[in-house]
Amino acid sequence: MEARGVTLPVLMRSVRSDWSGTLLVCGKCSKKLGGGFGPKGKQPLAKALRRHLGLKKGRKAATGIVEVKCLGICPKGAVTVIDGAAPQAWKLVCEGADLDEVVAILGPGAR
């Protein structure tokens, strides 16, 4: 491969994914809440969203929901979420929020 006259070794390959969108969910916020989502209020947000949307696992899912270490916001009683299609607007999802409303607010990246 050549970029601006410099020859680079080809070290990358592509892997197919069925994702149409990506959500980044702060794992530290989820851990601080000790769950707080789902039917019984005991699931982390990432797991509750996957189950609510009926998503498959990993690359085969329609939307990728990735739990990351820490996003650095650390709100009290909420979880930070970033939609990969709109990274300029980070969302704070309050503990116990209705998942239908959360999906509606997060937009097309969450469907």
PDB file of N, CA and C in Angstrom:
ATOM      1  N   MET A   1       0.850  -1.156   0.000  1.00  0.00           N
ATOM      2  CA  MET A   1       0.000   0.000   0.000  1.00  0.00           C
ATOM      3  C   MET A   1       0.905   1.230   0.000  1.00  0.00           C
ATOM      4  N   GLU A   2       0.473   2.255  -0.707  1.00  0.00           N
ATOM      5  CA  GLU A   2       1.291   3.464  -0.794  1.00  0.00           C
ATOM      6  C   GLU A   2       0.472   4.680  -0.385  1.00  0.00           C
ATOM      7  N   ALA A   3       1.037   5.503   0.485  1.00  0.00           N
ATOM      8  CA  ALA A   3       0.375   6.719   0.933  1.00  0.00           C
ATOM      9  C   ALA A   3       1.363   7.868   0.813  1.00  0.00           C
ATOM     10  N   ARG A   4       1.092   8.796  -0.091  1.00  0.00           N
ATOM     11  CA  ARG A   4       1.942   9.967  -0.317  1.00  0.00           C
ATOM     12  C   ARG A   4       3.393   9.583  -0.590  1.00  0.00           C
ATOM     13  N   GLY A   5       3.558   8.569  -1.391  1.00  0.00           N
ATOM     14  CA  GLY A   5       4.896   8.175  -1.784  1.00  0.00           C
ATOM     15  C   GLY A   5       5.611   7.289  -0.778  1.00  0.00           C
ATOM     16  N   VAL A   6       4.983   6.989   0.351  1.00  0.00           N
ATOM     17  CA  VAL A   6       5.593   6.132   1.360  1.00  0.00           C
ATOM     18  C   VAL A   6       4.932   4.766   1.285  1.00  0.00           C
ATOM     19  N   THR A   7       5.735   3.722   1.200  1.00  0.00           N
ATOM     20  CA  THR A   7       5.193   2.379   1.142  1.00  0.00           C
ATOM     21  C   THR A   7       4.992   1.850   2.561  1.00  0.00           C
ATOM     22  N   LEU A   8       3.765   1.411   2.855  1.00  0.00           N
ATOM     23  CA  LEU A   8       3.427   0.885   4.173  1.00  0.00           C
ATOM     24  C   LEU A   8       3.131  -0.604   4.069  1.00  0.00           C
ATOM     25  N   PRO A   9       3.549  -1.385   5.040  1.00  0.00           N
ATOM     26  CA  PRO A   9       3.201  -2.803   5.009  1.00  0.00           C
ATOM     27  C   PRO A   9       1.707  -2.982   5.274  1.00  0.00           C
ATOM     28  N   VAL A  10       1.138  -3.978   4.649  1.00  0.00           N
ATOM     29  CA  VAL A  10      -0.283  -4.254   4.844  1.00  0.00           C
ATOM     30  C   VAL A  10      -0.420  -5.159   6.061  1.00  0.00           C
ATOM     31  N   LEU A  11      -0.829  -4.578   7.181  1.00  0.00           N
ATOM     32  CA  LEU A  11      -0.954  -5.319   8.431  1.00  0.00           C
ATOM     33  C   LEU A  11      -2.391  -5.433   8.900  1.00  0.00           C
ATOM     34  N   MET A  12      -3.312  -4.764   8.221  1.00  0.00           N
ATOM     35  CA  MET A  12      -4.698  -4.775   8.663  1.00  0.00           C
ATOM     36  C   MET A  12      -5.568  -5.554   7.694  1.00  0.00           C
ATOM     37  N   ARG A  13      -6.524  -6.241   8.282  1.00  0.00           N
ATOM     38  CA  ARG A  13      -7.540  -6.903   7.489  1.00  0.00           C
ATOM     39  C   ARG A  13      -8.889  -6.430   8.002  1.00  0.00           C
ATOM     40  N   SER A  14      -9.906  -6.589   7.216  1.00  0.00           N
ATOM     41  CA  SER A  14     -11.252  -6.182   7.628  1.00  0.00           C
ATOM     42  C   SER A  14     -12.028  -7.386   8.138  1.00  0.00           C
ATOM     43  N   VAL A  15     -12.896  -7.123   9.085  1.00  0.00           N
ATOM     44  CA  VAL A  15     -13.799  -8.136   9.612  1.00  0.00           C
ATOM     45  C   VAL A  15     -15.207  -7.578   9.479  1.00  0.00           C
ATOM     46  N   ARG A  16     -16.105  -8.353   8.909  1.00  0.00           N
ATOM     47  CA  ARG A  16     -17.469  -7.918   8.669  1.00  0.00           C
ATOM     48  C   ARG A  16     -18.248  -7.818   9.980  1.00  0.00           C
ATOM     49  N   SER A  17     -19.120  -6.843  10.041  1.00  0.00           N
ATOM     50  CA  SER A  17     -20.009  -6.665  11.185  1.00  0.00           C
ATOM     51  C   SER A  17     -21.385  -6.293  10.659  1.00  0.00           C
ATOM     52  N   ASP A  18     -22.419  -6.703  11.363  1.00  0.00           N
ATOM     53  CA  ASP A  18     -23.788  -6.367  10.964  1.00  0.00           C
ATOM     54  C   ASP A  18     -24.293  -5.103  11.650  1.00  0.00           C
ATOM     55  N   TRP A  19     -23.419  -4.403  12.365  1.00  0.00           N
ATOM     56  CA  TRP A  19     -23.826  -3.215  13.109  1.00  0.00           C
ATOM     57  C   TRP A  19     -24.240  -2.082  12.189  1.00  0.00           C
ATOM     58  N   SER A  20     -25.363  -1.458  12.512  1.00  0.00           N
ATOM     59  CA  SER A  20     -25.775  -0.246  11.806  1.00  0.00           C
ATOM     60  C   SER A  20     -25.512   0.980  12.682  1.00  0.00           C
ATOM     61  N   GLY A  21     -25.194   0.748  13.945  1.00  0.00           N
ATOM     62  CA  GLY A  21     -24.888   1.820  14.875  1.00  0.00           C
ATOM     63  C   GLY A  21     -24.122   1.272  16.068  1.00  0.00           C
ATOM     64  N   THR A  22     -23.566   2.186  16.852  1.00  0.00           N
ATOM     65  CA  THR A  22     -22.778   1.785  18.011  1.00  0.00           C
ATOM     66  C   THR A  22     -23.134   2.659  19.210  1.00  0.00           C
ATOM     67  N   LEU A  23     -23.296   2.045  20.353  1.00  0.00           N
ATOM     68  CA  LEU A  23     -23.497   2.767  21.606  1.00  0.00           C
ATOM     69  C   LEU A  23     -22.362   2.410  22.553  1.00  0.00           C
ATOM     70  N   LEU A  24     -21.742   3.423  23.128  1.00  0.00           N
ATOM     71  CA  LEU A  24     -20.706   3.219  24.134  1.00  0.00           C
ATOM     72  C   LEU A  24     -21.329   3.506  25.497  1.00  0.00           C
ATOM     73  N   VAL A  25     -21.286   2.539  26.387  1.00  0.00           N
ATOM     74  CA  VAL A  25     -21.895   2.665  27.714  1.00  0.00           C
ATOM     75  C   VAL A  25     -20.779   2.610  28.749  1.00  0.00           C
ATOM     76  N   CYS A  26     -20.765   3.567  29.658  1.00  0.00           N
ATOM     77  CA  CYS A  26     -19.728   3.629  30.688  1.00  0.00           C
ATOM     78  C   CYS A  26     -19.905   2.493  31.691  1.00  0.00           C
ATOM     79  N   GLY A  27     -18.917   1.625  31.765  1.00  0.00           N
ATOM     80  CA  GLY A  27     -18.966   0.497  32.683  1.00  0.00           C
ATOM     81  C   GLY A  27     -18.796   0.905  34.130  1.00  0.00           C
ATOM     82  N   LYS A  28     -18.025   1.957  34.381  1.00  0.00           N
ATOM     83  CA  LYS A  28     -17.806   2.408  35.756  1.00  0.00           C
ATOM     84  C   LYS A  28     -19.103   2.971  36.351  1.00  0.00           C
ATOM     85  N   CYS A  29     -19.834   3.745  35.548  1.00  0.00           N
ATOM     86  CA  CYS A  29     -21.129   4.276  36.004  1.00  0.00           C
ATOM     87  C   CYS A  29     -22.091   3.130  36.309  1.00  0.00           C
ATOM     88  N   SER A  30     -22.132   2.138  35.418  1.00  0.00           N
ATOM     89  CA  SER A  30     -23.016   0.995  35.603  1.00  0.00           C
ATOM     90  C   SER A  30     -22.661   0.237  36.879  1.00  0.00           C
ATOM     91  N   LYS A  31     -21.371   0.076  37.115  1.00  0.00           N
ATOM     92  CA  LYS A  31     -20.928  -0.653  38.301  1.00  0.00           C
ATOM     93  C   LYS A  31     -21.280   0.103  39.585  1.00  0.00           C
ATOM     94  N   LYS A  32     -21.156   1.437  39.548  1.00  0.00           N
ATOM     95  CA  LYS A  32     -21.499   2.245  40.725  1.00  0.00           C
ATOM     96  C   LYS A  32     -22.970   2.093  41.095  1.00  0.00           C
ATOM     97  N   LEU A  33     -23.829   1.988  40.066  1.00  0.00           N
ATOM     98  CA  LEU A  33     -25.266   1.838  40.327  1.00  0.00           C
ATOM     99  C   LEU A  33     -25.611   0.437  40.806  1.00  0.00           C
ATOM    100  N   GLY A  34     -24.766  -0.542  40.476  1.00  0.00           N
ATOM    101  CA  GLY A  34     -25.065  -1.922  40.855  1.00  0.00           C
ATOM    102  C   GLY A  34     -26.269  -2.466  40.115  1.00  0.00           C
ATOM    103  N   GLY A  35     -26.418  -2.082  38.865  1.00  0.00           N
ATOM    104  CA  GLY A  35     -27.563  -2.491  38.061  1.00  0.00           C
ATOM    105  C   GLY A  35     -28.449  -1.290  37.812  1.00  0.00           C
ATOM    106  N   GLY A  36     -29.704  -1.393  38.230  1.00  0.00           N
ATOM    107  CA  GLY A  36     -30.601  -0.253  38.131  1.00  0.00           C
ATOM    108  C   GLY A  36     -31.491  -0.239  36.907  1.00  0.00           C
ATOM    109  N   PHE A  37     -31.359  -1.243  36.023  1.00  0.00           N
ATOM    110  CA  PHE A  37     -32.153  -1.262  34.795  1.00  0.00           C
ATOM    111  C   PHE A  37     -32.743  -2.654  34.581  1.00  0.00           C
ATOM    112  N   GLY A  38     -33.617  -2.760  33.606  1.00  0.00           N
ATOM    113  CA  GLY A  38     -34.247  -4.036  33.308  1.00  0.00           C
ATOM    114  C   GLY A  38     -35.533  -4.213  34.086  1.00  0.00           C
ATOM    115  N   PRO A  39     -36.211  -5.348  33.870  1.00  0.00           N
ATOM    116  CA  PRO A  39     -37.507  -5.578  34.498  1.00  0.00           C
ATOM    117  C   PRO A  39     -37.472  -5.546  36.031  1.00  0.00           C
ATOM    118  N   LYS A  40     -36.415  -6.105  36.628  1.00  0.00           N
ATOM    119  CA  LYS A  40     -36.316  -6.134  38.090  1.00  0.00           C
ATOM    120  C   LYS A  40     -35.398  -5.053  38.635  1.00  0.00           C
ATOM    121  N   GLY A  41     -34.807  -4.257  37.747  1.00  0.00           N
ATOM    122  CA  GLY A  41     -33.926  -3.185  38.180  1.00  0.00           C
ATOM    123  C   GLY A  41     -32.572  -3.653  38.681  1.00  0.00           C
ATOM    124  N   LYS A  42     -32.121  -4.819  38.199  1.00  0.00           N
ATOM    125  CA  LYS A  42     -30.859  -5.365  38.683  1.00  0.00           C
ATOM    126  C   LYS A  42     -29.812  -5.536  37.587  1.00  0.00           C
ATOM    127  N   GLN A  43     -30.127  -5.159  36.354  1.00  0.00           N
ATOM    128  CA  GLN A  43     -29.188  -5.349  35.243  1.00  0.00           C
ATOM    129  C   GLN A  43     -28.424  -4.065  34.948  1.00  0.00           C
ATOM    130  N   PRO A  44     -27.171  -4.196  34.494  1.00  0.00           N
ATOM    131  CA  PRO A  44     -26.454  -3.018  33.984  1.00  0.00           C
ATOM    132  C   PRO A  44     -27.149  -2.510  32.723  1.00  0.00           C
ATOM    133  N   LEU A  45     -26.969  -1.242  32.396  1.00  0.00           N
ATOM    134  CA  LEU A  45     -27.659  -0.638  31.255  1.00  0.00           C
ATOM    135  C   LEU A  45     -27.346  -1.355  29.945  1.00  0.00           C
ATOM    136  N   ALA A  46     -26.079  -1.696  29.699  1.00  0.00           N
ATOM    137  CA  ALA A  46     -25.704  -2.337  28.430  1.00  0.00           C
ATOM    138  C   ALA A  46     -26.458  -3.654  28.243  1.00  0.00           C
ATOM    139  N   LYS A  47     -26.483  -4.472  29.266  1.00  0.00           N
ATOM    140  CA  LYS A  47     -27.162  -5.764  29.184  1.00  0.00           C
ATOM    141  C   LYS A  47     -28.675  -5.583  29.039  1.00  0.00           C
ATOM    142  N   ALA A  48     -29.230  -4.636  29.783  1.00  0.00           N
ATOM    143  CA  ALA A  48     -30.672  -4.380  29.711  1.00  0.00           C
ATOM    144  C   ALA A  48     -31.072  -3.889  28.314  1.00  0.00           C
ATOM    145  N   LEU A  49     -30.261  -3.016  27.710  1.00  0.00           N
ATOM    146  CA  LEU A  49     -30.554  -2.533  26.355  1.00  0.00           C
ATOM    147  C   LEU A  49     -30.482  -3.658  25.332  1.00  0.00           C
ATOM    148  N   ARG A  50     -29.451  -4.492  25.433  1.00  0.00           N
ATOM    149  CA  ARG A  50     -29.332  -5.625  24.502  1.00  0.00           C
ATOM    150  C   ARG A  50     -30.555  -6.520  24.591  1.00  0.00           C
ATOM    151  N   ARG A  51     -30.960  -6.831  25.806  1.00  0.00           N
ATOM    152  CA  ARG A  51     -32.111  -7.718  25.998  1.00  0.00           C
ATOM    153  C   ARG A  51     -33.405  -7.039  25.538  1.00  0.00           C
ATOM    154  N   HIS A  52     -33.575  -5.765  25.852  1.00  0.00           N
ATOM    155  CA  HIS A  52     -34.776  -5.014  25.483  1.00  0.00           C
ATOM    156  C   HIS A  52     -34.931  -4.928  23.959  1.00  0.00           C
ATOM    157  N   LEU A  53     -33.812  -4.735  23.268  1.00  0.00           N
ATOM    158  CA  LEU A  53     -33.850  -4.612  21.809  1.00  0.00           C
ATOM    159  C   LEU A  53     -33.806  -5.968  21.103  1.00  0.00           C
ATOM    160  N   GLY A  54     -33.588  -7.041  21.852  1.00  0.00           N
ATOM    161  CA  GLY A  54     -33.533  -8.379  21.264  1.00  0.00           C
ATOM    162  C   GLY A  54     -32.347  -8.549  20.326  1.00  0.00           C
ATOM    163  N   LEU A  55     -31.209  -8.000  20.709  1.00  0.00           N
ATOM    164  CA  LEU A  55     -30.021  -8.047  19.857  1.00  0.00           C
ATOM    165  C   LEU A  55     -29.277  -9.365  19.998  1.00  0.00           C
ATOM    166  N   LYS A  56     -28.661  -9.779  18.903  1.00  0.00           N
ATOM    167  CA  LYS A  56     -27.778 -10.939  18.944  1.00  0.00           C
ATOM    168  C   LYS A  56     -26.484 -10.516  19.619  1.00  0.00           C
ATOM    169  N   LYS A  57     -25.572 -11.465  19.783  1.00  0.00           N
ATOM    170  CA  LYS A  57     -24.302 -11.172  20.452  1.00  0.00           C
ATOM    171  C   LYS A  57     -23.232 -10.739  19.458  1.00  0.00           C
ATOM    172  N   GLY A  58     -22.332  -9.896  19.932  1.00  0.00           N
ATOM    173  CA  GLY A  58     -21.134  -9.519  19.187  1.00  0.00           C
ATOM    174  C   GLY A  58     -21.379  -8.865  17.847  1.00  0.00           C
ATOM    175  N   ARG A  59     -20.610  -9.296  16.849  1.00  0.00           N
ATOM    176  CA  ARG A  59     -20.667  -8.690  15.510  1.00  0.00           C
ATOM    177  C   ARG A  59     -21.962  -8.978  14.780  1.00  0.00           C
ATOM    178  N   LYS A  60     -22.715  -9.968  15.244  1.00  0.00           N
ATOM    179  CA  LYS A  60     -23.950 -10.353  14.556  1.00  0.00           C
ATOM    180  C   LYS A  60     -25.149  -9.515  14.963  1.00  0.00           C
ATOM    181  N   ALA A  61     -24.975  -8.657  15.937  1.00  0.00           N
ATOM    182  CA  ALA A  61     -26.063  -7.793  16.403  1.00  0.00           C
ATOM    183  C   ALA A  61     -26.341  -6.689  15.386  1.00  0.00           C
ATOM    184  N   ALA A  62     -27.553  -6.173  15.386  1.00  0.00           N
ATOM    185  CA  ALA A  62     -27.909  -5.064  14.497  1.00  0.00           C
ATOM    186  C   ALA A  62     -27.264  -3.765  14.978  1.00  0.00           C
ATOM    187  N   THR A  63     -27.112  -3.626  16.285  1.00  0.00           N
ATOM    188  CA  THR A  63     -26.466  -2.462  16.897  1.00  0.00           C
ATOM    189  C   THR A  63     -25.422  -2.954  17.881  1.00  0.00           C
ATOM    190  N   GLY A  64     -24.267  -2.342  17.851  1.00  0.00           N
ATOM    191  CA  GLY A  64     -23.217  -2.705  18.788  1.00  0.00           C
ATOM    192  C   GLY A  64     -23.354  -1.907  20.066  1.00  0.00           C
ATOM    193  N   ILE A  65     -23.506  -2.594  21.178  1.00  0.00           N
ATOM    194  CA  ILE A  65     -23.549  -1.934  22.481  1.00  0.00           C
ATOM    195  C   ILE A  65     -22.291  -2.370  23.218  1.00  0.00           C
ATOM    196  N   VAL A  66     -21.373  -1.428  23.372  1.00  0.00           N
ATOM    197  CA  VAL A  66     -20.060  -1.733  23.922  1.00  0.00           C
ATOM    198  C   VAL A  66     -19.920  -1.061  25.279  1.00  0.00           C
ATOM    199  N   GLU A  67     -19.597  -1.845  26.291  1.00  0.00           N
ATOM    200  CA  GLU A  67     -19.360  -1.285  27.617  1.00  0.00           C
ATOM    201  C   GLU A  67     -17.873  -0.954  27.710  1.00  0.00           C
ATOM    202  N   VAL A  68     -17.567   0.322  27.918  1.00  0.00           N
ATOM    203  CA  VAL A  68     -16.188   0.798  27.994  1.00  0.00           C
ATOM    204  C   VAL A  68     -15.823   1.065  29.451  1.00  0.00           C
ATOM    205  N   LYS A  69     -14.526   1.201  29.743  1.00  0.00           N
ATOM    206  CA  LYS A  69     -14.073   1.352  31.135  1.00  0.00           C
ATOM    207  C   LYS A  69     -14.671   2.576  31.818  1.00  0.00           C
ATOM    208  N   CYS A  70     -14.256   3.766  31.442  1.00  0.00           N
ATOM    209  CA  CYS A  70     -14.760   4.977  32.080  1.00  0.00           C
ATOM    210  C   CYS A  70     -14.723   6.122  31.073  1.00  0.00           C
ATOM    211  N   LEU A  71     -15.795   6.879  31.008  1.00  0.00           N
ATOM    212  CA  LEU A  71     -15.866   8.006  30.086  1.00  0.00           C
ATOM    213  C   LEU A  71     -15.536   9.326  30.777  1.00  0.00           C
ATOM    214  N   GLY A  72     -15.330   9.300  32.100  1.00  0.00           N
ATOM    215  CA  GLY A  72     -14.854  10.469  32.819  1.00  0.00           C
ATOM    216  C   GLY A  72     -15.899  11.472  33.272  1.00  0.00           C
ATOM    217  N   ILE A  73     -17.172  11.215  33.051  1.00  0.00           N
ATOM    218  CA  ILE A  73     -18.220  12.147  33.480  1.00  0.00           C
ATOM    219  C   ILE A  73     -18.643  11.837  34.915  1.00  0.00           C
ATOM    220  N   CYS A  74     -18.868  10.582  35.229  1.00  0.00           N
ATOM    221  CA  CYS A  74     -19.215  10.090  36.564  1.00  0.00           C
ATOM    222  C   CYS A  74     -20.390  10.828  37.219  1.00  0.00           C
ATOM    223  N   PRO A  75     -21.585  10.807  36.590  1.00  0.00           N
ATOM    224  CA  PRO A  75     -22.749  11.445  37.208  1.00  0.00           C
ATOM    225  C   PRO A  75     -23.285  10.595  38.358  1.00  0.00           C
ATOM    226  N   LYS A  76     -23.943  11.229  39.308  1.00  0.00           N
ATOM    227  CA  LYS A  76     -24.546  10.477  40.415  1.00  0.00           C
ATOM    228  C   LYS A  76     -25.908   9.958  39.974  1.00  0.00           C
ATOM    229  N   GLY A  77     -26.134   8.668  40.147  1.00  0.00           N
ATOM    230  CA  GLY A  77     -27.429   8.073  39.843  1.00  0.00           C
ATOM    231  C   GLY A  77     -27.742   7.970  38.373  1.00  0.00           C
ATOM    232  N   ALA A  78     -26.713   7.954  37.510  1.00  0.00           N
ATOM    233  CA  ALA A  78     -26.943   7.856  36.068  1.00  0.00           C
ATOM    234  C   ALA A  78     -25.765   7.158  35.398  1.00  0.00           C
ATOM    235  N   VAL A  79     -25.968   6.785  34.134  1.00  0.00           N
ATOM    236  CA  VAL A  79     -24.934   6.135  33.328  1.00  0.00           C
ATOM    237  C   VAL A  79     -24.701   6.983  32.075  1.00  0.00           C
ATOM    238  N   THR A  80     -23.444   7.201  31.723  1.00  0.00           N
ATOM    239  CA  THR A  80     -23.091   7.973  30.529  1.00  0.00           C
ATOM    240  C   THR A  80     -23.128   7.066  29.306  1.00  0.00           C
ATOM    241  N   VAL A  81     -23.781   7.546  28.226  1.00  0.00           N
ATOM    242  CA  VAL A  81     -23.896   6.791  26.982  1.00  0.00           C
ATOM    243  C   VAL A  81     -23.532   7.703  25.818  1.00  0.00           C
ATOM    244  N   ILE A  82     -22.756   7.168  24.867  1.00  0.00           N
ATOM    245  CA  ILE A  82     -22.408   7.905  23.656  1.00  0.00           C
ATOM    246  C   ILE A  82     -22.934   7.136  22.462  1.00  0.00           C
ATOM    247  N   ASP A  83     -23.681   7.819  21.596  1.00  0.00           N
ATOM    248  CA  ASP A  83     -24.114   7.250  20.325  1.00  0.00           C
ATOM    249  C   ASP A  83     -23.004   7.524  19.326  1.00  0.00           C
ATOM    250  N   GLY A  84     -22.475   6.477  18.699  1.00  0.00           N
ATOM    251  CA  GLY A  84     -21.376   6.621  17.746  1.00  0.00           C
ATOM    252  C   GLY A  84     -21.721   7.511  16.562  1.00  0.00           C
ATOM    253  N   ALA A  85     -23.014   7.641  16.226  1.00  0.00           N
ATOM    254  CA  ALA A  85     -23.433   8.485  15.106  1.00  0.00           C
ATOM    255  C   ALA A  85     -23.493   9.957  15.504  1.00  0.00           C
ATOM    256  N   ALA A  86     -23.573  10.235  16.805  1.00  0.00           N
ATOM    257  CA  ALA A  86     -23.638  11.613  17.287  1.00  0.00           C
ATOM    258  C   ALA A  86     -22.735  11.771  18.517  1.00  0.00           C
ATOM    259  N   PRO A  87     -21.427  11.657  18.340  1.00  0.00           N
ATOM    260  CA  PRO A  87     -20.521  11.690  19.485  1.00  0.00           C
ATOM    261  C   PRO A  87     -20.405  13.055  20.155  1.00  0.00           C
ATOM    262  N   GLN A  88     -20.957  14.079  19.553  1.00  0.00           N
ATOM    263  CA  GLN A  88     -20.874  15.423  20.148  1.00  0.00           C
ATOM    264  C   GLN A  88     -21.867  15.605  21.292  1.00  0.00           C
ATOM    265  N   ALA A  89     -22.870  14.722  21.406  1.00  0.00           N
ATOM    266  CA  ALA A  89     -23.889  14.854  22.455  1.00  0.00           C
ATOM    267  C   ALA A  89     -23.925  13.590  23.304  1.00  0.00           C
ATOM    268  N   TRP A  90     -23.284  13.635  24.468  1.00  0.00           N
ATOM    269  CA  TRP A  90     -23.282  12.498  25.372  1.00  0.00           C
ATOM    270  C   TRP A  90     -24.556  12.524  26.196  1.00  0.00           C
ATOM    271  N   LYS A  91     -25.123  11.375  26.460  1.00  0.00           N
ATOM    272  CA  LYS A  91     -26.381  11.278  27.193  1.00  0.00           C
ATOM    273  C   LYS A  91     -26.133  10.710  28.586  1.00  0.00           C
ATOM    274  N   LEU A  92     -26.888  11.183  29.555  1.00  0.00           N
ATOM    275  CA  LEU A  92     -26.860  10.660  30.911  1.00  0.00           C
ATOM    276  C   LEU A  92     -28.198   9.979  31.156  1.00  0.00           C
ATOM    277  N   VAL A  93     -28.175   8.669  31.327  1.00  0.00           N
ATOM    278  CA  VAL A  93     -29.388   7.878  31.517  1.00  0.00           C
ATOM    279  C   VAL A  93     -29.561   7.623  33.007  1.00  0.00           C
ATOM    280  N   CYS A  94     -30.637   8.159  33.575  1.00  0.00           N
ATOM    281  CA  CYS A  94     -30.893   8.026  35.014  1.00  0.00           C
ATOM    282  C   CYS A  94     -31.258   6.589  35.377  1.00  0.00           C
ATOM    283  N   GLU A  95     -30.870   6.209  36.577  1.00  0.00           N
ATOM    284  CA  GLU A  95     -31.147   4.872  37.094  1.00  0.00           C
ATOM    285  C   GLU A  95     -32.649   4.605  37.057  1.00  0.00           C
ATOM    286  N   GLY A  96     -33.026   3.413  36.581  1.00  0.00           N
ATOM    287  CA  GLY A  96     -34.423   3.018  36.542  1.00  0.00           C
ATOM    288  C   GLY A  96     -35.224   3.615  35.397  1.00  0.00           C
ATOM    289  N   ALA A  97     -34.567   4.306  34.458  1.00  0.00           N
ATOM    290  CA  ALA A  97     -35.274   4.924  33.334  1.00  0.00           C
ATOM    291  C   ALA A  97     -35.966   3.858  32.479  1.00  0.00           C
ATOM    292  N   ASP A  98     -37.126   4.216  31.920  1.00  0.00           N
ATOM    293  CA  ASP A  98     -37.866   3.322  31.042  1.00  0.00           C
ATOM    294  C   ASP A  98     -37.051   3.089  29.769  1.00  0.00           C
ATOM    295  N   LEU A  99     -36.793   1.831  29.432  1.00  0.00           N
ATOM    296  CA  LEU A  99     -35.924   1.517  28.295  1.00  0.00           C
ATOM    297  C   LEU A  99     -36.529   1.925  26.956  1.00  0.00           C
ATOM    298  N   ASP A 100     -37.874   1.961  26.850  1.00  0.00           N
ATOM    299  CA  ASP A 100     -38.504   2.452  25.612  1.00  0.00           C
ATOM    300  C   ASP A 100     -38.154   3.921  25.392  1.00  0.00           C
ATOM    301  N   GLU A 101     -38.205   4.709  26.459  1.00  0.00           N
ATOM    302  CA  GLU A 101     -37.861   6.124  26.364  1.00  0.00           C
ATOM    303  C   GLU A 101     -36.371   6.308  26.069  1.00  0.00           C
ATOM    304  N   VAL A 102     -35.535   5.487  26.694  1.00  0.00           N
ATOM    305  CA  VAL A 102     -34.091   5.574  26.467  1.00  0.00           C
ATOM    306  C   VAL A 102     -33.776   5.311  24.998  1.00  0.00           C
ATOM    307  N   VAL A 103     -34.370   4.280  24.417  1.00  0.00           N
ATOM    308  CA  VAL A 103     -34.138   3.941  23.002  1.00  0.00           C
ATOM    309  C   VAL A 103     -34.630   5.078  22.112  1.00  0.00           C
ATOM    310  N   ALA A 104     -35.782   5.671  22.429  1.00  0.00           N
ATOM    311  CA  ALA A 104     -36.319   6.774  21.640  1.00  0.00           C
ATOM    312  C   ALA A 104     -35.405   7.987  21.682  1.00  0.00           C
ATOM    313  N   ILE A 105     -34.840   8.286  22.844  1.00  0.00           N
ATOM    314  CA  ILE A 105     -33.967   9.451  22.988  1.00  0.00           C
ATOM    315  C   ILE A 105     -32.612   9.201  22.326  1.00  0.00           C
ATOM    316  N   LEU A 106     -32.091   7.987  22.452  1.00  0.00           N
ATOM    317  CA  LEU A 106     -30.790   7.687  21.851  1.00  0.00           C
ATOM    318  C   LEU A 106     -30.837   7.724  20.330  1.00  0.00           C
ATOM    319  N   GLY A 107     -32.006   7.515  19.759  1.00  0.00           N
ATOM    320  CA  GLY A 107     -32.167   7.681  18.320  1.00  0.00           C
ATOM    321  C   GLY A 107     -31.877   6.424  17.521  1.00  0.00           C
ATOM    322  N   PRO A 108     -31.642   6.608  16.211  1.00  0.00           N
ATOM    323  CA  PRO A 108     -31.512   5.477  15.304  1.00  0.00           C
ATOM    324  C   PRO A 108     -30.325   4.561  15.592  1.00  0.00           C
ATOM    325  N   GLY A 109     -29.289   5.060  16.259  1.00  0.00           N
ATOM    326  CA  GLY A 109     -28.136   4.225  16.584  1.00  0.00           C
ATOM    327  C   GLY A 109     -28.468   3.126  17.573  1.00  0.00           C
ATOM    328  N   ALA A 110     -29.585   3.287  18.298  1.00  0.00           N
ATOM    329  CA  ALA A 110     -29.964   2.305  19.312  1.00  0.00           C
ATOM    330  C   ALA A 110     -30.992   1.295  18.810  1.00  0.00           C
ATOM    331  N   ARG A 111     -31.312   1.326  17.530  1.00  0.00           N
ATOM    332  CA  ARG A 111     -32.337   0.400  17.035  1.00  0.00           C
ATOM    333  C   ARG A 111     -31.768  -0.656  16.169  1.00  0.00           C
TER     334      ARG A 111
END
